Amino acid sequence: MDAEERRHAILMAARRDGTVDVGKLAVNLGVSRETVRRDLNLLEDHGLVRRTHGGAYPVESAGYETTLAHRTTMHVPEKSRIAAAAVDLLGDAETVFIDEGFNPQLIAEALPESRPLTIVTASLATASRLAGRERHTVLLLGGRVRGGTLATVEHWTSRMLSGFVIDLAYVGANGISREYGLTTPDPAVSEVKAQAMRVARRRVFAGIHTKFGAVSFCRFAEVSEFEAIVTDTGLPATEAHRYSLLGPQVIRV
């Protein structure tokens, strides 16, 4: 295969498996490790992958987004720690918005069951997990259901959300960067997230370290709009400090 076909094969492997290894790619493609490294560097320059030590992982974009099922298999211990730390920021909130995605779902499941809460979400998965709790009132936003994420979107969802005043919003993103803020691949999803930002008194971003520096298609919030960012220690302390200079408290767990 020529160089373009090889890079396409590398990208497809990264999107299929969630990560790729330089050594394994070199063997499978019959090329040198240095050739694979050059290919990965070029794919990173084009915003399609992010390099790691010895490999790379795909960046979500307008043409590619992981499914909820895939997200439940990646970085689960880190995401569980992030969820627990995010719930510690609940404070005196009585109404809570839970975004779509696996990390927000873990946050929802970690909310104290003994405490009365009204929980607003566009996530069918989150709503079904919480529906049986006696002291929690769950409001599921209506709209078109996206098959990959099991979340509702479009004007029905945003219109219903616009009628609320939310004490605290737990918001996720496909990418977060100091330059471009928080981004997501789908414009319909972006509008729901932007509406949640508008109606919430307080906002917390919770996400794994691989989200940082990644930029997707649709921008819906600035880093400075959040009171806190909760992530794992995979985000270097120096980079966490740079984000904190924009306003939010950055918590690494």
C-alpha atoms as a PDB file:
ATOM      1  CA  MET A   1       0.000   0.000   0.000  1.00  0.00           C
ATOM      2  CA  ASP A   2       1.106   3.572  -0.592  1.00  0.00           C
ATOM      3  CA  ALA A   3       1.629   6.158   2.181  1.00  0.00           C
ATOM      4  CA  GLU A   4      -1.929   7.517   2.020  1.00  0.00           C
ATOM      5  CA  GLU A   5      -3.458   4.042   2.239  1.00  0.00           C
ATOM      6  CA  ARG A   6      -1.138   3.179   5.121  1.00  0.00           C
ATOM      7  CA  ARG A   7      -2.128   6.269   7.102  1.00  0.00           C
ATOM      8  CA  HIS A   8      -5.784   5.522   6.474  1.00  0.00           C
ATOM      9  CA  ALA A   9      -5.251   1.980   7.762  1.00  0.00           C
ATOM     10  CA  ILE A  10      -3.540   3.344  10.881  1.00  0.00           C
ATOM     11  CA  LEU A  11      -6.397   5.772  11.523  1.00  0.00           C
ATOM     12  CA  MET A  12      -9.021   3.049  11.055  1.00  0.00           C
ATOM     13  CA  ALA A  13      -7.140   0.785  13.477  1.00  0.00           C
ATOM     14  CA  ALA A  14      -6.985   3.573  16.065  1.00  0.00           C
ATOM     15  CA  ARG A  15     -10.707   4.217  15.739  1.00  0.00           C
ATOM     16  CA  ARG A  16     -11.542   0.513  15.900  1.00  0.00           C
ATOM     17  CA  ASP A  17      -9.349  -0.344  18.892  1.00  0.00           C
ATOM     18  CA  GLY A  18      -9.227   2.978  20.738  1.00  0.00           C
ATOM     19  CA  THR A  19      -5.413   3.067  20.613  1.00  0.00           C
ATOM     20  CA  VAL A  20      -2.519   1.888  18.441  1.00  0.00           C
ATOM     21  CA  ASP A  21       1.033   0.778  19.207  1.00  0.00           C
ATOM     22  CA  VAL A  22       3.997   1.762  17.023  1.00  0.00           C
ATOM     23  CA  GLY A  23       5.650  -1.660  17.220  1.00  0.00           C
ATOM     24  CA  LYS A  24       2.519  -3.619  16.373  1.00  0.00           C
ATOM     25  CA  LEU A  25       1.671  -1.295  13.499  1.00  0.00           C
ATOM     26  CA  ALA A  26       5.167  -1.670  12.070  1.00  0.00           C
ATOM     27  CA  VAL A  27       4.834  -5.472  12.079  1.00  0.00           C
ATOM     28  CA  ASN A  28       1.298  -5.516  10.696  1.00  0.00           C
ATOM     29  CA  LEU A  29       2.059  -3.011   7.934  1.00  0.00           C
ATOM     30  CA  GLY A  30       5.512  -4.340   7.078  1.00  0.00           C
ATOM     31  CA  VAL A  31       7.267  -0.998   7.551  1.00  0.00           C
ATOM     32  CA  SER A  32       9.796   0.438   9.982  1.00  0.00           C
ATOM     33  CA  ARG A  33       8.897   1.942  13.332  1.00  0.00           C
ATOM     34  CA  GLU A  34      10.239   5.278  12.101  1.00  0.00           C
ATOM     35  CA  THR A  35       7.817   5.192   9.170  1.00  0.00           C
ATOM     36  CA  VAL A  36       4.926   4.565  11.562  1.00  0.00           C
ATOM     37  CA  ARG A  37       6.091   7.405  13.809  1.00  0.00           C
ATOM     38  CA  ARG A  38       6.177   9.776  10.821  1.00  0.00           C
ATOM     39  CA  ASP A  39       2.674   8.655   9.821  1.00  0.00           C
ATOM     40  CA  LEU A  40       1.377   9.215  13.354  1.00  0.00           C
ATOM     41  CA  ASN A  41       3.014  12.642  13.514  1.00  0.00           C
ATOM     42  CA  LEU A  42       1.309  13.615  10.262  1.00  0.00           C
ATOM     43  CA  LEU A  43      -2.052  12.316  11.477  1.00  0.00           C
ATOM     44  CA  GLU A  44      -1.571  14.316  14.669  1.00  0.00           C
ATOM     45  CA  ASP A  45      -0.737  17.446  12.642  1.00  0.00           C
ATOM     46  CA  HIS A  46      -4.063  16.955  10.867  1.00  0.00           C
ATOM     47  CA  GLY A  47      -5.902  16.689  14.183  1.00  0.00           C
ATOM     48  CA  LEU A  48      -6.908  13.045  13.686  1.00  0.00           C
ATOM     49  CA  VAL A  49      -4.899  11.372  16.478  1.00  0.00           C
ATOM     50  CA  ARG A  50      -3.027  12.333  19.639  1.00  0.00           C
ATOM     51  CA  ARG A  51       0.433  10.868  20.205  1.00  0.00           C
ATOM     52  CA  THR A  52       1.280   8.938  23.344  1.00  0.00           C
ATOM     53  CA  HIS A  53       4.501   7.272  24.429  1.00  0.00           C
ATOM     54  CA  GLY A  54       4.826   4.440  21.938  1.00  0.00           C
ATOM     55  CA  GLY A  55       1.553   4.961  20.127  1.00  0.00           C
ATOM     56  CA  ALA A  56      -1.505   7.149  19.621  1.00  0.00           C
ATOM     57  CA  TYR A  57      -5.260   7.352  20.154  1.00  0.00           C
ATOM     58  CA  PRO A  58      -7.945   8.854  17.864  1.00  0.00           C
ATOM     59  CA  VAL A  59      -9.378  12.347  18.257  1.00  0.00           C
ATOM     60  CA  GLU A  60     -13.149  12.577  17.929  1.00  0.00           C
ATOM     61  CA  SER A  61     -14.244  14.833  15.090  1.00  0.00           C
ATOM     62  CA  ALA A  62     -17.185  15.706  12.848  1.00  0.00           C
ATOM     63  CA  GLY A  63     -16.645  12.421  11.029  1.00  0.00           C
ATOM     64  CA  TYR A  64     -15.878  10.165  13.981  1.00  0.00           C
ATOM     65  CA  GLU A  65     -17.265   9.737  17.474  1.00  0.00           C
ATOM     66  CA  THR A  66     -16.968   6.815  19.887  1.00  0.00           C
ATOM     67  CA  THR A  67     -20.128   5.061  21.074  1.00  0.00           C
ATOM     68  CA  LEU A  68     -21.296   4.911  24.667  1.00  0.00           C
ATOM     69  CA  ALA A  69     -20.615   1.157  24.663  1.00  0.00           C
ATOM     70  CA  HIS A  70     -16.982   1.787  23.707  1.00  0.00           C
ATOM     71  CA  ARG A  71     -16.551   4.498  26.351  1.00  0.00           C
ATOM     72  CA  THR A  72     -17.633   2.113  29.100  1.00  0.00           C
ATOM     73  CA  THR A  73     -14.541   0.001  28.396  1.00  0.00           C
ATOM     74  CA  MET A  74     -11.898   2.751  28.445  1.00  0.00           C
ATOM     75  CA  HIS A  75     -10.112   4.203  31.523  1.00  0.00           C
ATOM     76  CA  VAL A  76     -12.824   2.924  33.872  1.00  0.00           C
ATOM     77  CA  PRO A  77     -10.817   3.206  37.154  1.00  0.00           C
ATOM     78  CA  GLU A  78      -9.817   6.791  36.341  1.00  0.00           C
ATOM     79  CA  LYS A  79     -13.372   7.726  35.368  1.00  0.00           C
ATOM     80  CA  SER A  80     -14.715   6.252  38.608  1.00  0.00           C
ATOM     81  CA  ARG A  81     -12.301   8.371  40.658  1.00  0.00           C
ATOM     82  CA  ILE A  82     -13.257  11.445  38.658  1.00  0.00           C
ATOM     83  CA  ALA A  83     -16.953  10.773  39.286  1.00  0.00           C
ATOM     84  CA  ALA A  84     -16.452  10.468  43.040  1.00  0.00           C
ATOM     85  CA  ALA A  85     -14.477  13.713  43.177  1.00  0.00           C
ATOM     86  CA  ALA A  86     -17.077  15.499  41.047  1.00  0.00           C
ATOM     87  CA  VAL A  87     -19.881  14.467  43.402  1.00  0.00           C
ATOM     88  CA  ASP A  88     -17.898  15.987  46.287  1.00  0.00           C
ATOM     89  CA  LEU A  89     -18.617  19.360  44.615  1.00  0.00           C
ATOM     90  CA  LEU A  90     -22.396  18.917  44.881  1.00  0.00           C
ATOM     91  CA  GLY A  91     -22.678  21.412  47.730  1.00  0.00           C
ATOM     92  CA  ASP A  92     -26.259  22.483  48.480  1.00  0.00           C
ATOM     93  CA  ALA A  93     -27.541  21.877  44.945  1.00  0.00           C
ATOM     94  CA  GLU A  94     -31.110  20.599  44.720  1.00  0.00           C
ATOM     95  CA  THR A  95     -31.389  20.447  40.919  1.00  0.00           C
ATOM     96  CA  VAL A  96     -28.642  18.820  38.859  1.00  0.00           C
ATOM     97  CA  PHE A  97     -28.063  18.484  35.122  1.00  0.00           C
ATOM     98  CA  ILE A  98     -26.261  15.306  34.041  1.00  0.00           C
ATOM     99  CA  ASP A  99     -24.782  15.403  30.560  1.00  0.00           C
ATOM    100  CA  GLU A 100     -24.678  12.467  28.142  1.00  0.00           C
ATOM    101  CA  GLY A 101     -21.662  10.148  28.231  1.00  0.00           C
ATOM    102  CA  PHE A 102     -20.118   7.532  30.467  1.00  0.00           C
ATOM    103  CA  ASN A 103     -18.313   9.802  32.935  1.00  0.00           C
ATOM    104  CA  PRO A 104     -21.493  11.834  33.619  1.00  0.00           C
ATOM    105  CA  GLN A 105     -23.360   8.541  34.033  1.00  0.00           C
ATOM    106  CA  LEU A 106     -20.871   7.480  36.702  1.00  0.00           C
ATOM    107  CA  ILE A 107     -21.368  10.839  38.408  1.00  0.00           C
ATOM    108  CA  ALA A 108     -25.124  10.277  38.419  1.00  0.00           C
ATOM    109  CA  GLU A 109     -24.725   6.832  39.955  1.00  0.00           C
ATOM    110  CA  ALA A 110     -22.456   8.281  42.675  1.00  0.00           C
ATOM    111  CA  LEU A 111     -24.976  10.937  43.759  1.00  0.00           C
ATOM    112  CA  PRO A 112     -26.141  10.351  47.355  1.00  0.00           C
ATOM    113  CA  GLU A 113     -29.367   8.329  47.345  1.00  0.00           C
ATOM    114  CA  SER A 114     -30.419   9.571  50.774  1.00  0.00           C
ATOM    115  CA  ARG A 115     -30.712  13.157  49.618  1.00  0.00           C
ATOM    116  CA  PRO A 116     -33.673  14.615  47.676  1.00  0.00           C
ATOM    117  CA  LEU A 117     -32.521  15.710  44.229  1.00  0.00           C
ATOM    118  CA  THR A 118     -34.130  16.629  40.927  1.00  0.00           C
ATOM    119  CA  ILE A 119     -31.952  15.308  38.120  1.00  0.00           C
ATOM    120  CA  VAL A 120     -32.330  16.556  34.544  1.00  0.00           C
ATOM    121  CA  THR A 121     -30.651  14.583  31.765  1.00  0.00           C
ATOM    122  CA  ALA A 122     -30.705  13.903  28.043  1.00  0.00           C
ATOM    123  CA  SER A 123     -29.178  10.451  28.621  1.00  0.00           C
ATOM    124  CA  LEU A 124     -31.481   7.446  28.455  1.00  0.00           C
ATOM    125  CA  ALA A 125     -28.823   5.326  30.138  1.00  0.00           C
ATOM    126  CA  THR A 126     -28.535   7.717  33.087  1.00  0.00           C
ATOM    127  CA  ALA A 127     -32.294   8.118  33.437  1.00  0.00           C
ATOM    128  CA  SER A 128     -32.824   4.360  33.528  1.00  0.00           C
ATOM    129  CA  ARG A 129     -30.099   3.887  36.157  1.00  0.00           C
ATOM    130  CA  LEU A 130     -31.643   6.490  38.489  1.00  0.00           C
ATOM    131  CA  ALA A 131     -35.360   5.975  37.863  1.00  0.00           C
ATOM    132  CA  GLY A 132     -35.785   3.558  40.776  1.00  0.00           C
ATOM    133  CA  ARG A 133     -34.347   5.830  43.437  1.00  0.00           C
ATOM    134  CA  GLU A 134     -37.041   6.905  45.880  1.00  0.00           C
ATOM    135  CA  ARG A 135     -35.626  10.321  46.790  1.00  0.00           C
ATOM    136  CA  HIS A 136     -34.551  11.324  43.282  1.00  0.00           C
ATOM    137  CA  THR A 137     -36.881  12.877  40.721  1.00  0.00           C
ATOM    138  CA  VAL A 138     -35.579  12.194  37.203  1.00  0.00           C
ATOM    139  CA  LEU A 139     -36.576  14.408  34.265  1.00  0.00           C
ATOM    140  CA  LEU A 140     -35.623  12.962  30.881  1.00  0.00           C
ATOM    141  CA  LEU A 141     -35.369  15.585  28.145  1.00  0.00           C
ATOM    142  CA  GLY A 142     -37.323  14.657  25.017  1.00  0.00           C
ATOM    143  CA  GLY A 143     -35.976  14.687  21.465  1.00  0.00           C
ATOM    144  CA  ARG A 144     -34.362  12.575  18.779  1.00  0.00           C
ATOM    145  CA  VAL A 145     -32.350   9.721  20.281  1.00  0.00           C
ATOM    146  CA  ARG A 146     -28.807   9.276  18.963  1.00  0.00           C
ATOM    147  CA  GLY A 147     -28.168   5.557  18.631  1.00  0.00           C
ATOM    148  CA  GLY A 148     -24.469   5.646  19.479  1.00  0.00           C
ATOM    149  CA  THR A 149     -24.808   7.621  22.713  1.00  0.00           C
ATOM    150  CA  LEU A 150     -28.449   6.911  23.726  1.00  0.00           C
ATOM    151  CA  ALA A 151     -29.031  10.627  24.310  1.00  0.00           C
ATOM    152  CA  THR A 152     -31.676  13.049  23.066  1.00  0.00           C
ATOM    153  CA  VAL A 153     -30.867  16.073  20.908  1.00  0.00           C
ATOM    154  CA  GLU A 154     -32.274  18.833  18.684  1.00  0.00           C
ATOM    155  CA  HIS A 155     -34.788  21.619  19.319  1.00  0.00           C
ATOM    156  CA  TRP A 156     -37.185  19.568  21.462  1.00  0.00           C
ATOM    157  CA  THR A 157     -34.385  18.867  23.930  1.00  0.00           C
ATOM    158  CA  SER A 158     -33.011  22.401  24.024  1.00  0.00           C
ATOM    159  CA  ARG A 159     -36.475  23.965  24.322  1.00  0.00           C
ATOM    160  CA  MET A 160     -37.404  21.828  27.332  1.00  0.00           C
ATOM    161  CA  LEU A 161     -34.052  22.530  28.975  1.00  0.00           C
ATOM    162  CA  SER A 162     -34.440  26.280  28.427  1.00  0.00           C
ATOM    163  CA  GLY A 163     -37.419  26.331  30.804  1.00  0.00           C
ATOM    164  CA  PHE A 164     -35.333  25.307  33.830  1.00  0.00           C
ATOM    165  CA  VAL A 165     -32.950  26.978  36.235  1.00  0.00           C
ATOM    166  CA  ILE A 166     -30.385  24.343  37.254  1.00  0.00           C
ATOM    167  CA  ASP A 167     -28.307  24.640  40.427  1.00  0.00           C
ATOM    168  CA  LEU A 168     -25.384  22.566  39.130  1.00  0.00           C
ATOM    169  CA  ALA A 169     -24.529  21.143  35.709  1.00  0.00           C
ATOM    170  CA  TYR A 170     -22.086  18.282  35.272  1.00  0.00           C
ATOM    171  CA  VAL A 171     -20.903  18.736  31.695  1.00  0.00           C
ATOM    172  CA  GLY A 172     -18.785  16.486  29.498  1.00  0.00           C
ATOM    173  CA  ALA A 173     -17.024  17.121  26.192  1.00  0.00           C
ATOM    174  CA  ASN A 174     -15.164  15.291  23.458  1.00  0.00           C
ATOM    175  CA  GLY A 175     -12.318  17.779  23.731  1.00  0.00           C
ATOM    176  CA  ILE A 176     -11.143  20.625  25.955  1.00  0.00           C
ATOM    177  CA  SER A 177      -8.367  23.070  25.143  1.00  0.00           C
ATOM    178  CA  ARG A 178      -7.224  26.404  26.523  1.00  0.00           C
ATOM    179  CA  GLU A 179      -7.460  27.970  23.082  1.00  0.00           C
ATOM    180  CA  TYR A 180     -10.777  26.607  21.791  1.00  0.00           C
ATOM    181  CA  GLY A 181     -12.616  25.728  24.990  1.00  0.00           C
ATOM    182  CA  LEU A 182     -14.950  22.725  25.095  1.00  0.00           C
ATOM    183  CA  THR A 183     -15.912  21.016  21.849  1.00  0.00           C
ATOM    184  CA  THR A 184     -17.993  18.129  20.536  1.00  0.00           C
ATOM    185  CA  PRO A 185     -18.414  16.634  17.028  1.00  0.00           C
ATOM    186  CA  ASP A 186     -22.178  17.003  16.490  1.00  0.00           C
ATOM    187  CA  PRO A 187     -23.914  20.430  16.206  1.00  0.00           C
ATOM    188  CA  ALA A 188     -27.117  18.990  17.696  1.00  0.00           C
ATOM    189  CA  VAL A 189     -25.243  17.778  20.773  1.00  0.00           C
ATOM    190  CA  SER A 190     -23.371  21.062  21.009  1.00  0.00           C
ATOM    191  CA  GLU A 191     -26.619  23.021  21.239  1.00  0.00           C
ATOM    192  CA  VAL A 192     -27.915  20.901  24.125  1.00  0.00           C
ATOM    193  CA  LYS A 193     -24.643  21.365  26.006  1.00  0.00           C
ATOM    194  CA  ALA A 194     -24.654  25.115  25.307  1.00  0.00           C
ATOM    195  CA  GLN A 195     -28.222  25.359  26.620  1.00  0.00           C
ATOM    196  CA  ALA A 196     -27.212  23.502  29.777  1.00  0.00           C
ATOM    197  CA  MET A 197     -24.405  26.014  30.257  1.00  0.00           C
ATOM    198  CA  ARG A 198     -26.886  28.902  29.893  1.00  0.00           C
ATOM    199  CA  VAL A 199     -29.407  27.652  32.448  1.00  0.00           C
ATOM    200  CA  ALA A 200     -26.976  26.434  35.123  1.00  0.00           C
ATOM    201  CA  ARG A 201     -25.891  28.556  38.095  1.00  0.00           C
ATOM    202  CA  ARG A 202     -22.763  26.424  38.588  1.00  0.00           C
ATOM    203  CA  ARG A 203     -20.870  24.282  36.071  1.00  0.00           C
ATOM    204  CA  VAL A 204     -18.375  21.458  36.548  1.00  0.00           C
ATOM    205  CA  PHE A 205     -16.470  19.730  33.761  1.00  0.00           C
ATOM    206  CA  ALA A 206     -15.482  16.116  34.428  1.00  0.00           C
ATOM    207  CA  GLY A 207     -13.332  14.222  31.956  1.00  0.00           C
ATOM    208  CA  ILE A 208     -10.380  11.916  31.460  1.00  0.00           C
ATOM    209  CA  HIS A 209      -6.938  13.412  30.718  1.00  0.00           C
ATOM    210  CA  THR A 210      -7.074  12.305  27.075  1.00  0.00           C
ATOM    211  CA  LYS A 211      -9.744  14.967  26.448  1.00  0.00           C
ATOM    212  CA  PHE A 212      -7.260  17.772  27.127  1.00  0.00           C
ATOM    213  CA  GLY A 213      -5.722  19.415  24.091  1.00  0.00           C
ATOM    214  CA  ALA A 214      -8.183  17.637  21.782  1.00  0.00           C
ATOM    215  CA  VAL A 215     -10.328  19.839  19.553  1.00  0.00           C
ATOM    216  CA  SER A 216     -13.540  18.697  17.895  1.00  0.00           C
ATOM    217  CA  PHE A 217     -15.895  20.364  15.413  1.00  0.00           C
ATOM    218  CA  CYS A 218     -18.427  22.340  17.501  1.00  0.00           C
ATOM    219  CA  ARG A 219     -17.479  24.738  20.269  1.00  0.00           C
ATOM    220  CA  PHE A 220     -20.022  25.191  23.076  1.00  0.00           C
ATOM    221  CA  ALA A 221     -18.250  26.679  26.122  1.00  0.00           C
ATOM    222  CA  GLU A 222     -15.153  28.469  27.358  1.00  0.00           C
ATOM    223  CA  VAL A 223     -12.924  27.036  30.073  1.00  0.00           C
ATOM    224  CA  SER A 224     -13.490  30.190  32.131  1.00  0.00           C
ATOM    225  CA  GLU A 225     -17.226  29.418  32.462  1.00  0.00           C
ATOM    226  CA  PHE A 226     -16.576  26.500  34.831  1.00  0.00           C
ATOM    227  CA  GLU A 227     -16.069  26.674  38.572  1.00  0.00           C
ATOM    228  CA  ALA A 228     -14.165  23.392  38.527  1.00  0.00           C
ATOM    229  CA  ILE A 229     -12.496  20.881  36.216  1.00  0.00           C
ATOM    230  CA  VAL A 230     -12.164  17.333  37.511  1.00  0.00           C
ATOM    231  CA  THR A 231      -9.761  14.954  35.785  1.00  0.00           C
ATOM    232  CA  ASP A 232      -7.154  12.301  36.567  1.00  0.00           C
ATOM    233  CA  THR A 233      -3.438  12.572  37.248  1.00  0.00           C
ATOM    234  CA  GLY A 234      -2.679  11.699  33.633  1.00  0.00           C
ATOM    235  CA  LEU A 235      -2.998  15.451  33.061  1.00  0.00           C
ATOM    236  CA  PRO A 236       0.389  16.890  34.105  1.00  0.00           C
ATOM    237  CA  ALA A 237       0.350  19.285  37.063  1.00  0.00           C
ATOM    238  CA  THR A 238       1.945  22.017  34.947  1.00  0.00           C
ATOM    239  CA  GLU A 239      -0.839  21.767  32.368  1.00  0.00           C
ATOM    240  CA  ALA A 240      -3.492  21.686  35.089  1.00  0.00           C
ATOM    241  CA  HIS A 241      -2.035  24.934  36.437  1.00  0.00           C
ATOM    242  CA  ARG A 242      -2.344  26.550  32.993  1.00  0.00           C
ATOM    243  CA  TYR A 243      -6.052  25.677  32.914  1.00  0.00           C
ATOM    244  CA  SER A 244      -6.522  26.994  36.446  1.00  0.00           C
ATOM    245  CA  LEU A 245      -5.171  30.382  35.337  1.00  0.00           C
ATOM    246  CA  LEU A 246      -8.296  30.681  33.177  1.00  0.00           C
ATOM    247  CA  GLY A 247     -10.513  30.579  36.261  1.00  0.00           C
ATOM    248  CA  PRO A 248     -11.660  27.107  37.301  1.00  0.00           C
ATOM    249  CA  GLN A 249     -10.308  25.035  40.150  1.00  0.00           C
ATOM    250  CA  VAL A 250      -8.558  22.011  38.623  1.00  0.00           C
ATOM    251  CA  ILE A 251      -8.830  18.783  40.629  1.00  0.00           C
ATOM    252  CA  ARG A 252      -6.643  15.804  39.676  1.00  0.00           C
ATOM    253  CA  VAL A 253      -7.483  12.423  41.223  1.00  0.00           C
END
